[in-house]
N, C-alpha and C. Protein backbone atom coordinates (compact mmCIF):
# COMPACT_ATOMS: atom_id res chain seq x y z
N MET A 1 -1.70 -16.33 -34.09
CA MET A 1 -1.23 -17.23 -33.15
C MET A 1 -1.35 -16.63 -31.66
N MET A 2 -1.84 -17.32 -30.74
CA MET A 2 -2.24 -16.88 -29.40
C MET A 2 -0.88 -16.90 -28.50
N PRO A 3 -0.53 -15.78 -27.91
CA PRO A 3 0.76 -15.86 -27.14
C PRO A 3 0.63 -16.78 -25.89
N LYS A 4 1.61 -17.32 -25.50
CA LYS A 4 1.61 -18.29 -24.43
C LYS A 4 1.30 -17.34 -23.25
N PRO A 5 0.30 -17.77 -22.32
CA PRO A 5 -0.03 -17.15 -21.13
C PRO A 5 1.33 -17.18 -20.07
N PHE A 6 1.25 -16.09 -19.34
CA PHE A 6 2.16 -15.87 -18.50
C PHE A 6 2.00 -16.97 -17.44
N SER A 7 2.95 -17.80 -17.20
CA SER A 7 2.81 -18.81 -16.15
C SER A 7 2.69 -18.59 -14.85
N LEU A 8 3.10 -17.39 -14.27
CA LEU A 8 2.97 -16.93 -12.93
C LEU A 8 1.91 -15.89 -12.80
N ALA A 9 0.79 -15.83 -13.68
CA ALA A 9 -0.18 -15.02 -13.39
C ALA A 9 -0.96 -15.12 -12.26
N GLY A 10 -1.16 -16.35 -11.82
CA GLY A 10 -1.97 -16.60 -10.42
C GLY A 10 -1.07 -15.84 -9.34
N LEU A 11 0.46 -16.19 -9.32
CA LEU A 11 1.09 -15.52 -8.16
C LEU A 11 1.18 -13.95 -8.54
N LEU A 12 1.03 -13.46 -9.62
CA LEU A 12 0.99 -11.99 -9.66
C LEU A 12 -0.25 -11.51 -9.13
N ARG A 13 -1.27 -12.17 -9.36
CA ARG A 13 -2.58 -11.80 -8.73
C ARG A 13 -2.51 -11.87 -7.14
N LEU A 14 -1.90 -12.88 -6.72
CA LEU A 14 -1.64 -13.02 -5.31
C LEU A 14 -1.00 -11.90 -4.73
N ARG A 15 0.20 -11.43 -5.34
CA ARG A 15 1.17 -10.47 -4.94
C ARG A 15 0.32 -9.17 -4.91
N GLN A 16 -0.28 -9.02 -5.91
CA GLN A 16 -1.27 -7.69 -5.95
C GLN A 16 -2.17 -7.48 -4.87
N THR A 17 -2.93 -8.69 -4.48
CA THR A 17 -3.69 -8.82 -3.50
C THR A 17 -3.03 -8.52 -2.09
N GLU A 18 -1.85 -9.17 -2.03
CA GLU A 18 -1.02 -9.01 -0.78
C GLU A 18 -0.65 -7.43 -0.64
N GLN A 19 -0.29 -6.80 -1.77
CA GLN A 19 0.08 -5.29 -1.61
C GLN A 19 -1.15 -4.59 -1.35
N ASP A 20 -2.35 -4.76 -1.81
CA ASP A 20 -3.55 -4.15 -1.58
C ASP A 20 -3.84 -4.23 -0.08
N ILE A 21 -3.80 -5.57 0.44
CA ILE A 21 -4.18 -5.73 1.87
C ILE A 21 -3.11 -4.77 2.67
N ALA A 22 -1.78 -5.03 2.35
CA ALA A 22 -0.71 -4.25 3.25
C ALA A 22 -0.91 -2.64 2.93
N GLY A 23 -1.41 -2.34 1.97
CA GLY A 23 -1.75 -0.83 1.71
C GLY A 23 -2.93 -0.30 2.64
N ALA A 24 -3.93 -1.14 2.57
CA ALA A 24 -5.19 -0.93 3.48
C ALA A 24 -4.80 -0.88 4.86
N GLU A 25 -3.83 -1.91 5.23
CA GLU A 25 -3.36 -1.86 6.86
C GLU A 25 -2.84 -0.64 7.09
N LEU A 26 -1.95 -0.14 6.27
CA LEU A 26 -1.05 1.04 6.38
C LEU A 26 -2.04 2.25 6.37
N ALA A 27 -2.96 2.25 5.82
CA ALA A 27 -4.03 3.26 5.84
C ALA A 27 -4.70 3.28 7.03
N ARG A 28 -4.97 2.14 7.51
CA ARG A 28 -5.82 2.19 8.88
C ARG A 28 -4.89 2.65 9.95
N ALA A 29 -3.59 2.24 10.03
CA ALA A 29 -2.63 2.61 10.90
C ALA A 29 -2.49 4.16 11.03
N ASN A 30 -2.32 4.81 9.59
CA ASN A 30 -2.25 6.20 9.62
C ASN A 30 -3.55 6.89 10.27
N ALA A 31 -4.63 6.30 9.97
CA ALA A 31 -5.93 6.84 10.49
C ALA A 31 -6.08 6.78 12.12
N ARG A 32 -5.41 5.71 12.60
CA ARG A 32 -5.43 5.36 14.10
C ARG A 32 -4.53 6.48 14.61
N ILE A 33 -3.29 6.71 14.05
CA ILE A 33 -2.32 7.86 14.65
C ILE A 33 -3.14 9.17 14.42
N ARG A 34 -3.58 9.61 13.50
CA ARG A 34 -4.44 10.74 13.34
C ARG A 34 -5.45 10.99 14.50
N ASP A 35 -6.30 9.76 14.52
CA ASP A 35 -7.41 10.05 15.37
C ASP A 35 -6.98 10.07 16.84
N ASN A 36 -5.87 9.35 17.08
CA ASN A 36 -5.34 9.30 18.72
C ASN A 36 -4.60 10.65 19.01
N ALA A 37 -3.88 11.17 17.93
CA ALA A 37 -3.26 12.43 18.15
C ALA A 37 -4.26 13.61 18.38
N THR A 38 -5.31 13.47 17.62
CA THR A 38 -6.46 14.40 17.65
C THR A 38 -7.16 14.29 19.10
N THR A 39 -7.24 13.08 19.75
CA THR A 39 -7.81 12.92 20.95
C THR A 39 -6.88 13.51 22.07
N GLU A 40 -5.61 13.14 21.83
CA GLU A 40 -4.67 13.68 22.84
C GLU A 40 -4.60 15.22 22.85
N ARG A 41 -4.57 15.89 21.78
CA ARG A 41 -4.65 17.45 21.68
C ARG A 41 -5.97 17.92 22.47
N ARG A 42 -7.10 17.16 22.09
CA ARG A 42 -8.24 17.74 22.79
C ARG A 42 -8.26 17.65 24.31
N ALA A 43 -7.63 16.46 24.69
CA ALA A 43 -7.42 16.21 26.18
C ALA A 43 -6.55 17.27 26.93
N ARG A 44 -5.46 17.50 26.12
CA ARG A 44 -4.60 18.58 26.69
C ARG A 44 -5.18 19.83 26.71
N ARG A 45 -6.08 20.38 25.72
CA ARG A 45 -6.60 21.66 25.83
C ARG A 45 -7.67 21.54 26.88
N ALA A 46 -8.33 20.39 27.12
CA ALA A 46 -9.24 20.28 28.08
C ALA A 46 -8.62 20.40 29.56
N LEU A 47 -7.52 19.82 29.62
CA LEU A 47 -6.79 19.90 31.00
C LEU A 47 -6.29 21.30 31.26
N ALA A 48 -5.95 22.06 30.31
CA ALA A 48 -5.42 23.28 30.25
C ALA A 48 -6.71 24.26 30.54
N GLU A 49 -7.90 23.97 30.24
CA GLU A 49 -8.81 24.92 30.57
C GLU A 49 -9.37 24.79 32.07
N TYR A 50 -8.99 23.78 32.85
CA TYR A 50 -9.40 23.74 34.21
C TYR A 50 -8.48 25.02 34.77
N GLY A 51 -9.62 25.98 35.39
CA GLY A 51 -9.01 26.99 36.02
C GLY A 51 -8.59 26.82 37.48
N ASP A 52 -8.04 27.80 38.09
CA ASP A 52 -7.46 27.75 39.30
C ASP A 52 -8.42 28.51 40.18
N THR A 53 -9.41 28.75 39.87
CA THR A 53 -10.34 29.83 40.62
C THR A 53 -11.33 28.85 41.61
N ALA A 54 -10.78 28.29 42.37
CA ALA A 54 -11.49 27.44 43.42
C ALA A 54 -12.04 28.33 44.45
N THR A 55 -13.48 28.33 44.54
CA THR A 55 -14.24 29.22 45.56
C THR A 55 -14.38 28.34 46.76
N SER A 56 -14.17 27.11 46.84
CA SER A 56 -14.48 26.26 47.91
C SER A 56 -13.55 25.15 47.81
N THR A 57 -13.40 24.44 49.13
CA THR A 57 -12.62 23.19 49.10
C THR A 57 -13.13 22.14 48.24
N GLU A 58 -14.45 21.94 48.22
CA GLU A 58 -15.02 20.94 47.17
C GLU A 58 -14.73 21.30 45.80
N THR A 59 -14.73 22.52 45.44
CA THR A 59 -14.36 22.90 43.98
C THR A 59 -12.89 22.69 43.86
N LEU A 60 -12.09 22.88 44.68
CA LEU A 60 -10.61 22.73 44.60
C LEU A 60 -10.23 21.05 44.42
N ARG A 61 -11.11 20.27 45.21
CA ARG A 61 -10.89 18.82 45.24
C ARG A 61 -11.45 18.33 43.83
N ALA A 62 -12.60 18.90 43.34
CA ALA A 62 -13.11 18.53 41.91
C ALA A 62 -12.17 18.86 40.84
N ILE A 63 -11.64 20.07 41.08
CA ILE A 63 -10.62 20.55 39.95
C ILE A 63 -9.41 19.56 39.99
N ALA A 64 -8.86 19.14 41.23
CA ALA A 64 -7.77 18.34 41.40
C ALA A 64 -7.94 16.86 40.77
N ALA A 65 -9.22 16.28 40.98
CA ALA A 65 -9.73 14.97 40.53
C ALA A 65 -9.76 14.98 39.13
N ALA A 66 -10.26 16.24 38.57
CA ALA A 66 -10.48 16.17 37.03
C ALA A 66 -9.08 16.29 36.42
N ARG A 67 -8.09 17.06 36.95
CA ARG A 67 -6.77 17.04 36.48
C ARG A 67 -6.21 15.62 36.65
N GLN A 68 -6.36 15.02 37.59
CA GLN A 68 -5.74 13.70 37.72
C GLN A 68 -6.27 12.68 36.91
N ALA A 69 -7.56 12.85 36.54
CA ALA A 69 -8.19 11.87 35.56
C ALA A 69 -7.81 12.28 34.18
N SER A 70 -7.61 13.45 33.92
CA SER A 70 -7.06 14.01 32.58
C SER A 70 -5.59 13.56 32.38
N ALA A 71 -4.77 13.68 33.54
CA ALA A 71 -3.58 13.30 33.34
C ALA A 71 -3.35 11.69 33.17
N THR A 72 -4.15 10.95 33.76
CA THR A 72 -4.16 9.71 33.67
C THR A 72 -4.55 9.34 32.12
N MET A 73 -5.53 9.94 31.74
CA MET A 73 -6.06 9.75 30.43
C MET A 73 -4.99 10.08 29.39
N LEU A 74 -4.34 11.26 29.50
CA LEU A 74 -3.08 11.51 28.57
C LEU A 74 -2.07 10.64 28.67
N SER A 75 -1.77 10.00 29.75
CA SER A 75 -0.66 8.97 29.87
C SER A 75 -1.10 7.69 29.07
N GLU A 76 -2.30 7.35 29.26
CA GLU A 76 -2.91 6.23 28.51
C GLU A 76 -2.87 6.52 26.98
N LEU A 77 -3.22 7.71 26.68
CA LEU A 77 -3.22 8.07 25.28
C LEU A 77 -1.83 8.07 24.64
N SER A 78 -0.85 8.49 25.42
CA SER A 78 0.49 8.57 25.00
C SER A 78 0.95 7.06 24.73
N THR A 79 0.50 6.18 25.59
CA THR A 79 0.93 4.73 25.42
C THR A 79 0.41 4.20 24.12
N ILE A 80 -0.92 4.51 23.90
CA ILE A 80 -1.48 4.02 22.66
C ILE A 80 -0.96 4.54 21.50
N LEU A 81 -0.63 5.95 21.52
CA LEU A 81 0.17 6.48 20.46
C LEU A 81 1.35 5.80 20.11
N GLU A 82 2.15 5.52 21.22
CA GLU A 82 3.41 4.88 20.88
C GLU A 82 3.21 3.36 20.22
N GLU A 83 2.07 2.79 20.65
CA GLU A 83 1.80 1.31 20.18
C GLU A 83 1.35 1.66 18.72
N ASP A 84 0.55 2.66 18.53
CA ASP A 84 0.07 2.86 17.09
C ASP A 84 1.27 3.16 16.11
N LEU A 85 2.32 4.01 16.76
CA LEU A 85 3.39 4.31 15.89
C LEU A 85 4.22 3.02 15.63
N ALA A 86 4.22 2.22 16.63
CA ALA A 86 4.92 0.95 16.16
C ALA A 86 4.22 0.13 15.24
N ALA A 87 2.92 0.06 15.29
CA ALA A 87 2.05 -0.76 14.47
C ALA A 87 2.12 -0.17 13.11
N HIS A 88 2.14 1.24 12.97
CA HIS A 88 2.37 1.85 11.67
C HIS A 88 3.64 1.57 11.13
N GLU A 89 4.78 1.46 11.81
CA GLU A 89 6.11 1.22 11.18
C GLU A 89 6.10 -0.26 10.67
N ARG A 90 5.49 -1.11 11.45
CA ARG A 90 5.30 -2.58 10.88
C ARG A 90 4.55 -2.54 9.73
N ALA A 91 3.35 -1.89 9.67
CA ALA A 91 2.56 -1.89 8.38
C ALA A 91 3.25 -1.28 7.37
N ARG A 92 3.88 -0.17 7.58
CA ARG A 92 4.95 0.36 6.38
C ARG A 92 5.90 -0.67 5.82
N SER A 93 6.46 -1.39 6.79
CA SER A 93 7.44 -2.16 6.31
C SER A 93 6.95 -3.44 5.52
N ASP A 94 5.68 -3.89 6.03
CA ASP A 94 5.11 -4.97 5.28
C ASP A 94 4.53 -4.45 3.90
N TYR A 95 4.15 -3.19 3.94
CA TYR A 95 3.75 -2.81 2.58
C TYR A 95 4.88 -2.63 1.75
N LEU A 96 5.97 -2.08 2.04
CA LEU A 96 7.12 -1.94 1.17
C LEU A 96 7.69 -3.35 0.76
N ALA A 97 7.59 -4.17 1.70
CA ALA A 97 7.99 -5.71 1.20
C ALA A 97 7.06 -6.12 0.25
N ALA A 98 5.79 -6.09 0.47
CA ALA A 98 4.61 -6.60 -0.48
C ALA A 98 4.85 -5.90 -1.73
N ARG A 99 5.31 -4.62 -1.79
CA ARG A 99 5.37 -3.81 -2.93
C ARG A 99 6.45 -4.22 -3.85
N MET A 100 7.65 -4.56 -3.09
CA MET A 100 8.79 -5.06 -3.81
C MET A 100 8.61 -6.49 -4.47
N ARG A 101 7.83 -7.29 -3.72
CA ARG A 101 7.59 -8.70 -4.29
C ARG A 101 6.75 -8.53 -5.37
N PHE A 102 5.74 -7.58 -5.36
CA PHE A 102 4.77 -7.46 -6.46
C PHE A 102 5.60 -6.90 -7.78
N ALA A 103 6.34 -5.71 -7.56
CA ALA A 103 7.12 -5.02 -8.45
C ALA A 103 7.99 -6.02 -9.34
N GLY A 104 8.78 -6.84 -8.49
CA GLY A 104 9.62 -7.67 -9.08
C GLY A 104 8.88 -8.76 -10.02
N LEU A 105 7.83 -9.23 -9.72
CA LEU A 105 7.03 -10.06 -10.46
C LEU A 105 6.32 -9.48 -11.64
N GLU A 106 5.93 -8.20 -11.41
CA GLU A 106 5.35 -7.53 -12.41
C GLU A 106 6.30 -7.22 -13.53
N LYS A 107 7.57 -6.91 -13.23
CA LYS A 107 8.54 -6.70 -14.20
C LYS A 107 8.80 -7.96 -14.96
N THR A 108 8.82 -9.29 -14.25
CA THR A 108 9.01 -10.45 -14.95
C THR A 108 7.82 -10.58 -16.13
N GLU A 109 6.59 -10.19 -15.47
CA GLU A 109 5.34 -10.36 -16.49
C GLU A 109 5.49 -9.43 -17.73
N ARG A 110 5.97 -8.23 -17.40
CA ARG A 110 6.26 -7.28 -18.56
C ARG A 110 7.05 -7.83 -19.33
N LYS A 111 8.18 -8.33 -19.10
CA LYS A 111 9.29 -8.88 -20.01
C LYS A 111 8.76 -10.11 -20.61
N HIS A 112 7.89 -10.88 -20.02
CA HIS A 112 7.25 -12.13 -20.69
C HIS A 112 6.39 -11.60 -21.84
N ARG A 113 5.44 -10.55 -21.58
CA ARG A 113 4.63 -9.95 -22.49
C ARG A 113 5.40 -9.26 -23.64
N GLU A 114 6.58 -8.67 -23.50
CA GLU A 114 7.33 -8.12 -24.41
C GLU A 114 7.99 -9.08 -25.32
N ALA A 115 8.30 -10.27 -24.69
CA ALA A 115 8.91 -11.57 -25.28
C ALA A 115 7.98 -12.18 -26.27
N ALA A 116 6.64 -12.23 -25.83
CA ALA A 116 5.50 -12.82 -26.58
C ALA A 116 5.24 -12.06 -27.77
N ILE A 117 5.26 -10.76 -27.61
CA ILE A 117 4.95 -9.79 -28.58
C ILE A 117 5.96 -9.81 -29.68
N ALA A 118 7.35 -9.85 -29.42
CA ALA A 118 8.46 -9.93 -30.23
C ALA A 118 8.46 -11.36 -30.96
N GLU A 119 7.94 -12.28 -30.26
CA GLU A 119 7.89 -13.67 -31.01
C GLU A 119 6.84 -13.69 -31.97
N ASP A 120 5.63 -13.01 -31.71
CA ASP A 120 4.62 -12.77 -32.78
C ASP A 120 4.99 -12.20 -33.82
N LEU A 121 5.60 -11.02 -33.60
CA LEU A 121 6.28 -10.30 -34.77
C LEU A 121 7.18 -10.90 -35.62
N LYS A 122 7.99 -11.74 -35.01
CA LYS A 122 8.99 -12.59 -35.69
C LYS A 122 8.15 -13.62 -36.60
N THR A 123 7.15 -14.26 -35.99
CA THR A 123 6.47 -15.17 -36.67
C THR A 123 5.69 -14.67 -37.91
N GLU A 124 5.11 -13.53 -37.62
CA GLU A 124 4.36 -12.71 -38.88
C GLU A 124 5.28 -12.42 -39.79
N GLN A 125 6.32 -11.75 -39.45
CA GLN A 125 7.50 -11.66 -40.51
C GLN A 125 7.96 -12.71 -41.37
N GLN A 126 8.24 -13.97 -40.70
CA GLN A 126 8.49 -14.98 -41.37
C GLN A 126 7.50 -15.50 -42.36
N ALA A 127 6.20 -15.33 -41.93
CA ALA A 127 5.17 -15.64 -42.86
C ALA A 127 5.16 -14.63 -43.99
N LEU A 128 5.26 -13.50 -43.75
CA LEU A 128 5.50 -12.54 -44.89
C LEU A 128 6.46 -12.86 -45.72
N ASP A 129 7.72 -13.02 -45.15
CA ASP A 129 8.91 -13.44 -46.04
C ASP A 129 8.58 -14.68 -46.98
N GLU A 130 7.85 -15.60 -46.37
CA GLU A 130 7.62 -16.72 -47.01
C GLU A 130 6.59 -16.40 -48.27
N LEU A 131 5.65 -15.57 -48.00
CA LEU A 131 4.70 -15.19 -49.13
C LEU A 131 5.54 -14.38 -50.25
N THR A 132 6.30 -13.61 -49.76
CA THR A 132 7.01 -12.81 -50.64
C THR A 132 7.99 -13.67 -51.51
N GLY A 133 8.59 -14.71 -50.78
CA GLY A 133 9.58 -15.54 -51.44
C GLY A 133 8.82 -16.36 -52.47
N SER A 134 7.65 -16.92 -52.18
CA SER A 134 6.87 -17.84 -53.07
C SER A 134 6.29 -17.00 -54.20
N ARG A 135 5.98 -15.82 -54.02
CA ARG A 135 5.53 -14.68 -55.12
C ARG A 135 6.67 -14.63 -55.93
N THR A 136 7.61 -14.24 -55.64
CA THR A 136 9.00 -13.94 -56.19
C THR A 136 9.22 -15.20 -57.16
N ALA A 137 9.02 -16.47 -56.51
CA ALA A 137 9.35 -17.63 -57.38
C ALA A 137 8.32 -18.03 -58.40
N ARG A 138 7.15 -17.54 -58.22
CA ARG A 138 6.08 -17.72 -59.11
C ARG A 138 6.30 -16.77 -60.18
N GLU A 139 6.83 -15.65 -60.15
CA GLU A 139 6.81 -14.64 -61.08
C GLU A 139 8.20 -15.08 -61.91
N LYS A 140 9.28 -15.68 -61.33
CA LYS A 140 10.27 -16.14 -62.14
C LYS A 140 10.06 -17.15 -62.97
N GLY A 141 9.02 -17.96 -62.40
CA GLY A 141 8.59 -19.18 -63.20
C GLY A 141 7.69 -18.89 -64.27
N ASP A 142 6.87 -17.84 -64.31
CA ASP A 142 6.07 -17.16 -65.30
C ASP A 142 6.79 -16.80 -66.58
N GLU A 143 8.11 -16.36 -66.21
CA GLU A 143 8.74 -15.61 -67.36
C GLU A 143 9.27 -16.60 -68.33
């Protein structure tokens, strides 16, 4: 006897897909944070490397301009990093919500499968009991 198919199988696949998409978005958010943090560290190191050994007014102005540009870039990177952290938190929250929806439905599917197996075993046992009962009845009839 074929077990009855899980009636919410389509929804289960949809929830799995939603979880996969949310997980991928979370991974992208993590990668953006890592990349931007690396860029910020490099910019800070580059800014620290500008020496104060100006030999002329032009060199001093160039150093000042480079530091100003680096400071502006660091400020922009900090803003981007804050935005990325907020996006990461949203992605993490979305992933956890998708995971919970999938896990709940997955548990329902598992219970359905267990109930179907139990029903199959019960049906099989009933058939065996009937065979045993009819055999016993025949043996009594042969005596």
